[in-house]
Amino acid sequence: MFLKERRGRVESMWALVSWVAVLMGRQFNRKERTMNTTTMYRANVRRVKRHPNAIRADRAEQALAYYRVAALREPGASLETVMSDFLSDIRHLCDRGNLNLAQLDRMAHRNYLNERYSR
């Protein structure tokens, strides 16, 4: 207060300093509001840990849901139809890339068995 009352440089800078303080406060509040809610700490919320195979099945289901709408353009198609068309397209992709689908299928089956029966 003493410096402000002297009518010197400090008083003329007072408006600028207070304006900067207001902007800094607004910026601080903005950062808090736009914080990603998935990284916020919530002490009282406990999530049930899901089995990795359930997570894998969900990933495949999401991919097929996307394929059903994007590729087939048939939102009401049955799961069997979607799986059949998807596997056919995988075969075409393997042909284009000169990949052995039977060998890839055997590897996938071994991975599936290991994931299913491991603890």
Protein backbone atom coordinates (compact mmCIF):
# COMPACT_ATOMS: atom_id res chain seq x y z
CA MET A 1 0.00 0.00 0.00
CA PHE A 2 2.81 2.41 0.77
CA LEU A 3 4.21 2.21 -2.75
CA LYS A 4 0.79 2.68 -4.34
CA GLU A 5 0.11 5.84 -2.38
CA ARG A 6 3.34 7.53 -3.57
CA ARG A 7 1.93 7.99 -7.07
CA GLY A 8 5.07 6.63 -8.69
CA ARG A 9 5.74 3.92 -11.21
CA VAL A 10 4.18 1.24 -9.05
CA GLU A 11 0.76 2.86 -9.21
CA SER A 12 0.90 3.14 -12.99
CA MET A 13 1.84 -0.55 -13.24
CA TRP A 14 -0.86 -1.64 -10.80
CA ALA A 15 -3.55 -2.02 -13.51
CA LEU A 16 -1.25 -4.15 -15.68
CA VAL A 17 -0.21 -6.35 -12.77
CA SER A 18 -3.80 -6.92 -11.67
CA TRP A 19 -4.85 -7.68 -15.28
CA VAL A 20 -2.06 -10.28 -15.62
CA ALA A 21 -3.13 -11.84 -12.32
CA VAL A 22 -6.71 -12.14 -13.61
CA LEU A 23 -5.53 -13.77 -16.84
CA MET A 24 -3.33 -16.19 -14.94
CA GLY A 25 -6.27 -17.15 -12.74
CA ARG A 26 -8.47 -17.72 -15.78
CA GLN A 27 -5.82 -19.86 -17.43
CA PHE A 28 -5.41 -21.92 -14.26
CA ASN A 29 -9.18 -22.50 -14.07
CA ARG A 30 -9.33 -23.42 -17.75
CA LYS A 31 -6.66 -26.09 -17.30
CA GLU A 32 -8.64 -27.65 -14.48
CA ARG A 33 -11.87 -27.72 -16.49
CA THR A 34 -10.30 -29.29 -19.57
CA MET A 35 -8.36 -31.95 -17.72
CA ASN A 36 -8.86 -35.39 -19.14
CA THR A 37 -11.36 -37.07 -16.84
CA THR A 38 -9.81 -40.50 -17.33
CA THR A 39 -6.63 -39.36 -15.62
CA MET A 40 -8.32 -37.64 -12.71
CA TYR A 41 -7.90 -39.28 -9.33
CA ARG A 42 -11.14 -40.56 -7.86
CA ALA A 43 -10.52 -42.19 -4.50
CA ASN A 44 -13.92 -43.80 -3.91
CA VAL A 45 -14.36 -45.45 -7.30
CA ARG A 46 -13.26 -49.04 -7.63
CA ARG A 47 -13.28 -50.75 -10.98
CA VAL A 48 -13.76 -54.46 -11.28
CA LYS A 49 -10.75 -55.98 -12.93
CA ARG A 50 -11.78 -57.82 -16.08
CA HIS A 51 -10.21 -60.98 -17.39
CA PRO A 52 -7.86 -60.38 -20.34
CA ASN A 53 -9.83 -62.81 -22.52
CA ALA A 54 -12.99 -60.77 -21.96
CA ILE A 55 -11.09 -57.68 -23.06
CA ARG A 56 -9.86 -59.51 -26.18
CA ALA A 57 -13.38 -60.63 -27.04
CA ASP A 58 -14.63 -57.04 -26.62
CA ARG A 59 -11.93 -55.79 -29.01
CA ALA A 60 -12.99 -58.32 -31.66
CA GLU A 61 -16.65 -57.44 -31.14
CA GLN A 62 -15.91 -53.74 -31.61
CA ALA A 63 -13.94 -54.44 -34.78
CA LEU A 64 -16.79 -56.52 -36.18
CA ALA A 65 -19.34 -53.86 -35.26
CA TYR A 66 -17.28 -51.35 -37.22
CA TYR A 67 -16.93 -53.80 -40.13
CA ARG A 68 -20.69 -54.46 -40.11
CA VAL A 69 -21.48 -50.79 -40.63
CA ALA A 70 -18.48 -49.56 -42.62
CA ALA A 71 -17.87 -52.44 -45.02
CA LEU A 72 -21.16 -54.30 -45.27
CA ARG A 73 -23.37 -51.27 -44.73
CA GLU A 74 -25.89 -53.60 -43.13
CA PRO A 75 -26.42 -52.63 -39.48
CA GLY A 76 -28.87 -55.51 -39.00
CA ALA A 77 -26.66 -58.28 -40.40
CA SER A 78 -26.32 -61.40 -38.24
CA LEU A 79 -23.07 -62.22 -36.49
CA GLU A 80 -22.58 -65.29 -38.71
CA THR A 81 -22.89 -63.19 -41.88
CA VAL A 82 -20.48 -60.56 -40.57
CA MET A 83 -17.92 -63.18 -39.49
CA SER A 84 -18.16 -65.04 -42.80
CA ASP A 85 -17.70 -61.89 -44.88
CA PHE A 86 -14.89 -60.68 -42.65
CA LEU A 87 -13.01 -63.97 -42.94
CA SER A 88 -13.48 -63.92 -46.71
CA ASP A 89 -11.99 -60.44 -46.84
CA ILE A 90 -9.09 -61.65 -44.67
CA ARG A 91 -8.47 -64.37 -47.24
CA HIS A 92 -8.39 -61.78 -50.03
CA LEU A 93 -5.94 -59.70 -48.00
CA CYS A 94 -3.68 -62.73 -47.50
CA ASP A 95 -3.76 -63.43 -51.23
CA ARG A 96 -2.73 -59.88 -52.00
CA GLY A 97 0.11 -59.98 -49.46
CA ASN A 98 1.25 -63.53 -50.36
CA LEU A 99 0.60 -64.71 -46.81
CA ASN A 100 -0.22 -68.29 -45.84
CA LEU A 101 -3.61 -68.08 -44.14
CA ALA A 102 -3.51 -71.70 -42.91
CA GLN A 103 -0.21 -71.09 -41.13
CA LEU A 104 -1.51 -67.85 -39.61
CA ASP A 105 -4.65 -69.66 -38.48
CA ARG A 106 -2.57 -72.37 -36.75
CA MET A 107 -0.52 -69.71 -34.95
CA ALA A 108 -3.69 -67.91 -33.93
CA HIS A 109 -5.21 -71.15 -32.64
CA ARG A 110 -2.11 -71.87 -30.51
CA ASN A 111 -2.22 -68.32 -29.12
CA TYR A 112 -5.92 -68.73 -28.37
CA LEU A 113 -5.33 -72.00 -26.48
CA ASN A 114 -2.46 -70.49 -24.49
CA GLU A 115 -4.55 -67.45 -23.57
CA ARG A 116 -7.61 -69.52 -22.72
CA TYR A 117 -5.92 -72.03 -20.41
CA SER A 118 -3.27 -69.82 -18.82
CA ARG A 119 -3.81 -68.19 -15.48
